[in-house]
């Protein structure tokens, strides 16, 4: 299992937590709670990692 560190802030305008993973383009999300944000970031990272996997049999 890979571990990533996220930077998290709370938006004063919306009250939402927003987070991103430095050095990982596209790895950002938001949530009403820290738990929701954490889950959302995990989903985003999983999707990004799947998209980066090479196609089977490709050369």
PDB file of N, CA and C in Angstrom:
ATOM      1  N   UNK A   1       0.847  -1.178   0.000  1.00  0.00           N
ATOM      2  CA  UNK A   1       0.000   0.000   0.000  1.00  0.00           C
ATOM      3  C   UNK A   1       0.897   1.248   0.000  1.00  0.00           C
ATOM      4  N   UNK A   2       0.605   2.149  -0.884  1.00  0.00           N
ATOM      5  CA  UNK A   2       1.345   3.399  -1.008  1.00  0.00           C
ATOM      6  C   UNK A   2       0.777   4.436  -0.038  1.00  0.00           C
ATOM      7  N   UNK A   3       1.644   5.281   0.501  1.00  0.00           N
ATOM      8  CA  UNK A   3       1.212   6.349   1.401  1.00  0.00           C
ATOM      9  C   UNK A   3       1.503   7.693   0.762  1.00  0.00           C
ATOM     10  N   UNK A   4       0.535   8.585   0.816  1.00  0.00           N
ATOM     11  CA  UNK A   4       0.676   9.934   0.270  1.00  0.00           C
ATOM     12  C   UNK A   4       0.351  10.945   1.356  1.00  0.00           C
ATOM     13  N   UNK A   5       0.980  12.102   1.277  1.00  0.00           N
ATOM     14  CA  UNK A   5       0.712  13.187   2.206  1.00  0.00           C
ATOM     15  C   UNK A   5      -0.065  14.274   1.477  1.00  0.00           C
ATOM     16  N   UNK A   6      -1.167  14.713   2.062  1.00  0.00           N
ATOM     17  CA  UNK A   6      -1.997  15.744   1.455  1.00  0.00           C
ATOM     18  C   UNK A   6      -1.903  17.036   2.264  1.00  0.00           C
ATOM     19  N   UNK A   7      -2.021  18.127   1.560  1.00  0.00           N
ATOM     20  CA  UNK A   7      -2.144  19.443   2.188  1.00  0.00           C
ATOM     21  C   UNK A   7      -3.635  19.739   2.260  1.00  0.00           C
ATOM     22  N   UNK A   8      -4.119  20.071   3.449  1.00  0.00           N
ATOM     23  CA  UNK A   8      -5.552  20.288   3.656  1.00  0.00           C
ATOM     24  C   UNK A   8      -5.784  21.677   4.227  1.00  0.00           C
ATOM     25  N   UNK A   9      -6.771  22.347   3.674  1.00  0.00           N
ATOM     26  CA  UNK A   9      -7.188  23.660   4.162  1.00  0.00           C
ATOM     27  C   UNK A   9      -8.708  23.691   4.230  1.00  0.00           C
ATOM     28  N   UNK A  10      -9.236  24.641   4.964  1.00  0.00           N
ATOM     29  CA  UNK A  10     -10.688  24.822   5.012  1.00  0.00           C
ATOM     30  C   UNK A  10     -11.017  26.119   4.308  1.00  0.00           C
ATOM     31  N   UNK A  11     -11.903  26.054   3.331  1.00  0.00           N
ATOM     32  CA  UNK A  11     -12.312  27.234   2.573  1.00  0.00           C
ATOM     33  C   UNK A  11     -13.226  28.088   3.449  1.00  0.00           C
ATOM     34  N   UNK A  12     -12.841  29.326   3.657  1.00  0.00           N
ATOM     35  CA  UNK A  12     -13.646  30.220   4.497  1.00  0.00           C
ATOM     36  C   UNK A  12     -14.975  30.584   3.838  1.00  0.00           C
ATOM     37  N   UNK A  13     -15.013  30.590   2.510  1.00  0.00           N
ATOM     38  CA  UNK A  13     -16.240  30.948   1.802  1.00  0.00           C
ATOM     39  C   UNK A  13     -17.281  29.840   1.830  1.00  0.00           C
ATOM     40  N   UNK A  14     -16.840  28.592   1.648  1.00  0.00           N
ATOM     41  CA  UNK A  14     -17.788  27.480   1.548  1.00  0.00           C
ATOM     42  C   UNK A  14     -17.838  26.613   2.798  1.00  0.00           C
ATOM     43  N   UNK A  15     -16.791  26.681   3.629  1.00  0.00           N
ATOM     44  CA  UNK A  15     -16.715  25.820   4.798  1.00  0.00           C
ATOM     45  C   UNK A  15     -16.245  24.411   4.480  1.00  0.00           C
ATOM     46  N   UNK A  16     -15.950  24.144   3.208  1.00  0.00           N
ATOM     47  CA  UNK A  16     -15.498  22.814   2.801  1.00  0.00           C
ATOM     48  C   UNK A  16     -14.012  22.648   3.072  1.00  0.00           C
ATOM     49  N   UNK A  17     -13.614  21.406   3.323  1.00  0.00           N
ATOM     50  CA  UNK A  17     -12.202  21.068   3.397  1.00  0.00           C
ATOM     51  C   UNK A  17     -11.728  20.796   1.972  1.00  0.00           C
ATOM     52  N   UNK A  18     -10.600  21.347   1.607  1.00  0.00           N
ATOM     53  CA  UNK A  18     -10.016  21.108   0.293  1.00  0.00           C
ATOM     54  C   UNK A  18      -8.609  20.560   0.498  1.00  0.00           C
ATOM     55  N   UNK A  19      -8.221  19.628  -0.341  1.00  0.00           N
ATOM     56  CA  UNK A  19      -6.912  19.022  -0.185  1.00  0.00           C
ATOM     57  C   UNK A  19      -6.307  18.639  -1.514  1.00  0.00           C
ATOM     58  N   UNK A  20      -4.975  18.574  -1.513  1.00  0.00           N
ATOM     59  CA  UNK A  20      -4.242  18.132  -2.695  1.00  0.00           C
ATOM     60  C   UNK A  20      -2.969  17.429  -2.260  1.00  0.00           C
ATOM     61  N   UNK A  21      -2.450  16.604  -3.153  1.00  0.00           N
ATOM     62  CA  UNK A  21      -1.206  15.884  -2.895  1.00  0.00           C
ATOM     63  C   UNK A  21      -0.113  16.579  -3.701  1.00  0.00           C
ATOM     64  N   UNK A  22       0.829  17.242  -3.026  1.00  0.00           N
ATOM     65  CA  UNK A  22       1.909  17.933  -3.737  1.00  0.00           C
ATOM     66  C   UNK A  22       2.705  16.978  -4.631  1.00  0.00           C
ATOM     67  N   UNK A  23       2.995  17.425  -5.832  1.00  0.00           N
ATOM     68  CA  UNK A  23       3.774  16.619  -6.755  1.00  0.00           C
ATOM     69  C   UNK A  23       2.993  15.526  -7.449  1.00  0.00           C
ATOM     70  N   UNK A  24       1.681  15.494  -7.273  1.00  0.00           N
ATOM     71  CA  UNK A  24       0.838  14.472  -7.902  1.00  0.00           C
ATOM     72  C   UNK A  24      -0.256  15.207  -8.683  1.00  0.00           C
ATOM     73  N   UNK A  25       0.033  15.565  -9.939  1.00  0.00           N
ATOM     74  CA  UNK A  25      -0.927  16.339 -10.740  1.00  0.00           C
ATOM     75  C   UNK A  25      -2.312  15.679 -10.789  1.00  0.00           C
ATOM     76  N   UNK A  26      -3.326  16.471 -10.539  1.00  0.00           N
ATOM     77  CA  UNK A  26      -4.700  15.993 -10.587  1.00  0.00           C
ATOM     78  C   UNK A  26      -5.216  15.421  -9.279  1.00  0.00           C
ATOM     79  N   UNK A  27      -4.340  15.248  -8.294  1.00  0.00           N
ATOM     80  CA  UNK A  27      -4.757  14.653  -7.019  1.00  0.00           C
ATOM     81  C   UNK A  27      -5.230  15.754  -6.075  1.00  0.00           C
ATOM     82  N   UNK A  28      -6.485  16.132  -6.253  1.00  0.00           N
ATOM     83  CA  UNK A  28      -7.094  17.150  -5.398  1.00  0.00           C
ATOM     84  C   UNK A  28      -8.584  16.876  -5.288  1.00  0.00           C
ATOM     85  N   UNK A  29      -9.166  17.305  -4.179  1.00  0.00           N
ATOM     86  CA  UNK A  29     -10.596  17.086  -3.962  1.00  0.00           C
ATOM     87  C   UNK A  29     -11.078  17.982  -2.834  1.00  0.00           C
ATOM     88  N   UNK A  30     -12.330  17.778  -2.452  1.00  0.00           N
ATOM     89  CA  UNK A  30     -12.926  18.533  -1.351  1.00  0.00           C
ATOM     90  C   UNK A  30     -13.947  17.663  -0.645  1.00  0.00           C
ATOM     91  N   UNK A  31     -14.358  18.085   0.549  1.00  0.00           N
ATOM     92  CA  UNK A  31     -15.366  17.353   1.303  1.00  0.00           C
ATOM     93  C   UNK A  31     -15.902  18.190   2.445  1.00  0.00           C
ATOM     94  N   UNK A  32     -17.089  17.840   2.909  1.00  0.00           N
ATOM     95  CA  UNK A  32     -17.701  18.570   4.021  1.00  0.00           C
ATOM     96  C   UNK A  32     -17.036  18.237   5.346  1.00  0.00           C
ATOM     97  N   UNK A  33     -16.438  17.039   5.449  1.00  0.00           N
ATOM     98  CA  UNK A  33     -15.729  16.620   6.652  1.00  0.00           C
ATOM     99  C   UNK A  33     -14.341  16.124   6.244  1.00  0.00           C
ATOM    100  N   UNK A  34     -13.451  16.006   7.228  1.00  0.00           N
ATOM    101  CA  UNK A  34     -12.127  15.464   6.929  1.00  0.00           C
ATOM    102  C   UNK A  34     -12.225  14.016   6.448  1.00  0.00           C
ATOM    103  N   UNK A  35     -13.151  13.258   7.006  1.00  0.00           N
ATOM    104  CA  UNK A  35     -13.337  11.877   6.595  1.00  0.00           C
ATOM    105  C   UNK A  35     -13.789  11.800   5.139  1.00  0.00           C
ATOM    106  N   UNK A  36     -14.716  12.679   4.761  1.00  0.00           N
ATOM    107  CA  UNK A  36     -15.186  12.699   3.381  1.00  0.00           C
ATOM    108  C   UNK A  36     -14.058  13.105   2.434  1.00  0.00           C
ATOM    109  N   UNK A  37     -13.301  14.115   2.811  1.00  0.00           N
ATOM    110  CA  UNK A  37     -12.170  14.552   1.994  1.00  0.00           C
ATOM    111  C   UNK A  37     -11.170  13.419   1.829  1.00  0.00           C
ATOM    112  N   UNK A  38     -10.831  12.725   2.906  1.00  0.00           N
ATOM    113  CA  UNK A  38      -9.890  11.612   2.845  1.00  0.00           C
ATOM    114  C   UNK A  38     -10.373  10.537   1.874  1.00  0.00           C
ATOM    115  N   UNK A  39     -11.634  10.180   1.973  1.00  0.00           N
ATOM    116  CA  UNK A  39     -12.204   9.181   1.065  1.00  0.00           C
ATOM    117  C   UNK A  39     -12.172   9.645  -0.380  1.00  0.00           C
ATOM    118  N   UNK A  40     -12.503  10.912  -0.588  1.00  0.00           N
ATOM    119  CA  UNK A  40     -12.491  11.464  -1.950  1.00  0.00           C
ATOM    120  C   UNK A  40     -11.078  11.460  -2.532  1.00  0.00           C
ATOM    121  N   UNK A  41     -10.095  11.844  -1.725  1.00  0.00           N
ATOM    122  CA  UNK A  41      -8.709  11.840  -2.199  1.00  0.00           C
ATOM    123  C   UNK A  41      -8.244  10.422  -2.530  1.00  0.00           C
ATOM    124  N   UNK A  42      -8.629   9.441  -1.717  1.00  0.00           N
ATOM    125  CA  UNK A  42      -8.262   8.049  -1.997  1.00  0.00           C
ATOM    126  C   UNK A  42      -8.834   7.600  -3.339  1.00  0.00           C
ATOM    127  N   UNK A  43     -10.077   7.968  -3.608  1.00  0.00           N
ATOM    128  CA  UNK A  43     -10.700   7.604  -4.884  1.00  0.00           C
ATOM    129  C   UNK A  43      -9.980   8.265  -6.054  1.00  0.00           C
ATOM    130  N   UNK A  44      -9.653   9.539  -5.915  1.00  0.00           N
ATOM    131  CA  UNK A  44      -8.972  10.273  -6.980  1.00  0.00           C
ATOM    132  C   UNK A  44      -7.609   9.640  -7.258  1.00  0.00           C
ATOM    133  N   UNK A  45      -6.854   9.351  -6.206  1.00  0.00           N
ATOM    134  CA  UNK A  45      -5.532   8.754  -6.377  1.00  0.00           C
ATOM    135  C   UNK A  45      -5.639   7.385  -7.048  1.00  0.00           C
ATOM    136  N   UNK A  46      -6.578   6.567  -6.617  1.00  0.00           N
ATOM    137  CA  UNK A  46      -6.760   5.244  -7.227  1.00  0.00           C
ATOM    138  C   UNK A  46      -7.076   5.371  -8.709  1.00  0.00           C
ATOM    139  N   UNK A  47      -7.934   6.306  -9.064  1.00  0.00           N
ATOM    140  CA  UNK A  47      -8.292   6.522 -10.467  1.00  0.00           C
ATOM    141  C   UNK A  47      -7.084   6.993 -11.267  1.00  0.00           C
ATOM    142  N   UNK A  48      -6.326   7.933 -10.728  1.00  0.00           N
ATOM    143  CA  UNK A  48      -5.143   8.430 -11.427  1.00  0.00           C
ATOM    144  C   UNK A  48      -4.110   7.329 -11.629  1.00  0.00           C
ATOM    145  N   UNK A  49      -3.910   6.486 -10.620  1.00  0.00           N
ATOM    146  CA  UNK A  49      -2.954   5.389 -10.743  1.00  0.00           C
ATOM    147  C   UNK A  49      -3.418   4.368 -11.780  1.00  0.00           C
ATOM    148  N   UNK A  50      -4.704   4.078 -11.835  1.00  0.00           N
ATOM    149  CA  UNK A  50      -5.240   3.158 -12.843  1.00  0.00           C
ATOM    150  C   UNK A  50      -5.016   3.708 -14.241  1.00  0.00           C
ATOM    151  N   UNK A  51      -5.228   5.009 -14.418  1.00  0.00           N
ATOM    152  CA  UNK A  51      -5.074   5.638 -15.727  1.00  0.00           C
ATOM    153  C   UNK A  51      -3.628   5.631 -16.196  1.00  0.00           C
ATOM    154  N   UNK A  52      -2.681   5.550 -15.268  1.00  0.00           N
ATOM    155  CA  UNK A  52      -1.253   5.596 -15.619  1.00  0.00           C
ATOM    156  C   UNK A  52      -0.670   4.212 -15.892  1.00  0.00           C
ATOM    157  N   UNK A  53      -1.415   3.144 -15.603  1.00  0.00           N
ATOM    158  CA  UNK A  53      -0.894   1.808 -15.828  1.00  0.00           C
ATOM    159  C   UNK A  53      -0.794   1.555 -17.330  1.00  0.00           C
ATOM    160  N   UNK A  54       0.316   0.956 -17.777  1.00  0.00           N
ATOM    161  CA  UNK A  54       0.470   0.681 -19.214  1.00  0.00           C
ATOM    162  C   UNK A  54      -0.522  -0.369 -19.685  1.00  0.00           C
ATOM    163  N   UNK A  55      -0.915  -0.261 -20.931  1.00  0.00           N
ATOM    164  CA  UNK A  55      -1.840  -1.236 -21.511  1.00  0.00           C
ATOM    165  C   UNK A  55      -1.156  -2.591 -21.622  1.00  0.00           C
ATOM    166  N   UNK A  56      -1.894  -3.648 -21.394  1.00  0.00           N
ATOM    167  CA  UNK A  56      -1.347  -5.001 -21.479  1.00  0.00           C
ATOM    168  C   UNK A  56      -0.909  -5.291 -22.912  1.00  0.00           C
ATOM    169  N   UNK A  57       0.293  -5.842 -23.036  1.00  0.00           N
ATOM    170  CA  UNK A  57       0.792  -6.218 -24.358  1.00  0.00           C
ATOM    171  C   UNK A  57       1.336  -5.058 -25.161  1.00  0.00           C
ATOM    172  N   UNK A  58       1.320  -3.844 -24.598  1.00  0.00           N
ATOM    173  CA  UNK A  58       1.825  -2.686 -25.330  1.00  0.00           C
ATOM    174  C   UNK A  58       3.329  -2.645 -25.320  1.00  0.00           C
ATOM    175  N   UNK A  59       3.889  -2.131 -26.414  1.00  0.00           N
ATOM    176  CA  UNK A  59       5.349  -2.013 -26.460  1.00  0.00           C
ATOM    177  C   UNK A  59       5.754  -0.715 -27.054  1.00  0.00           C
TER     178      UNK A  59
END
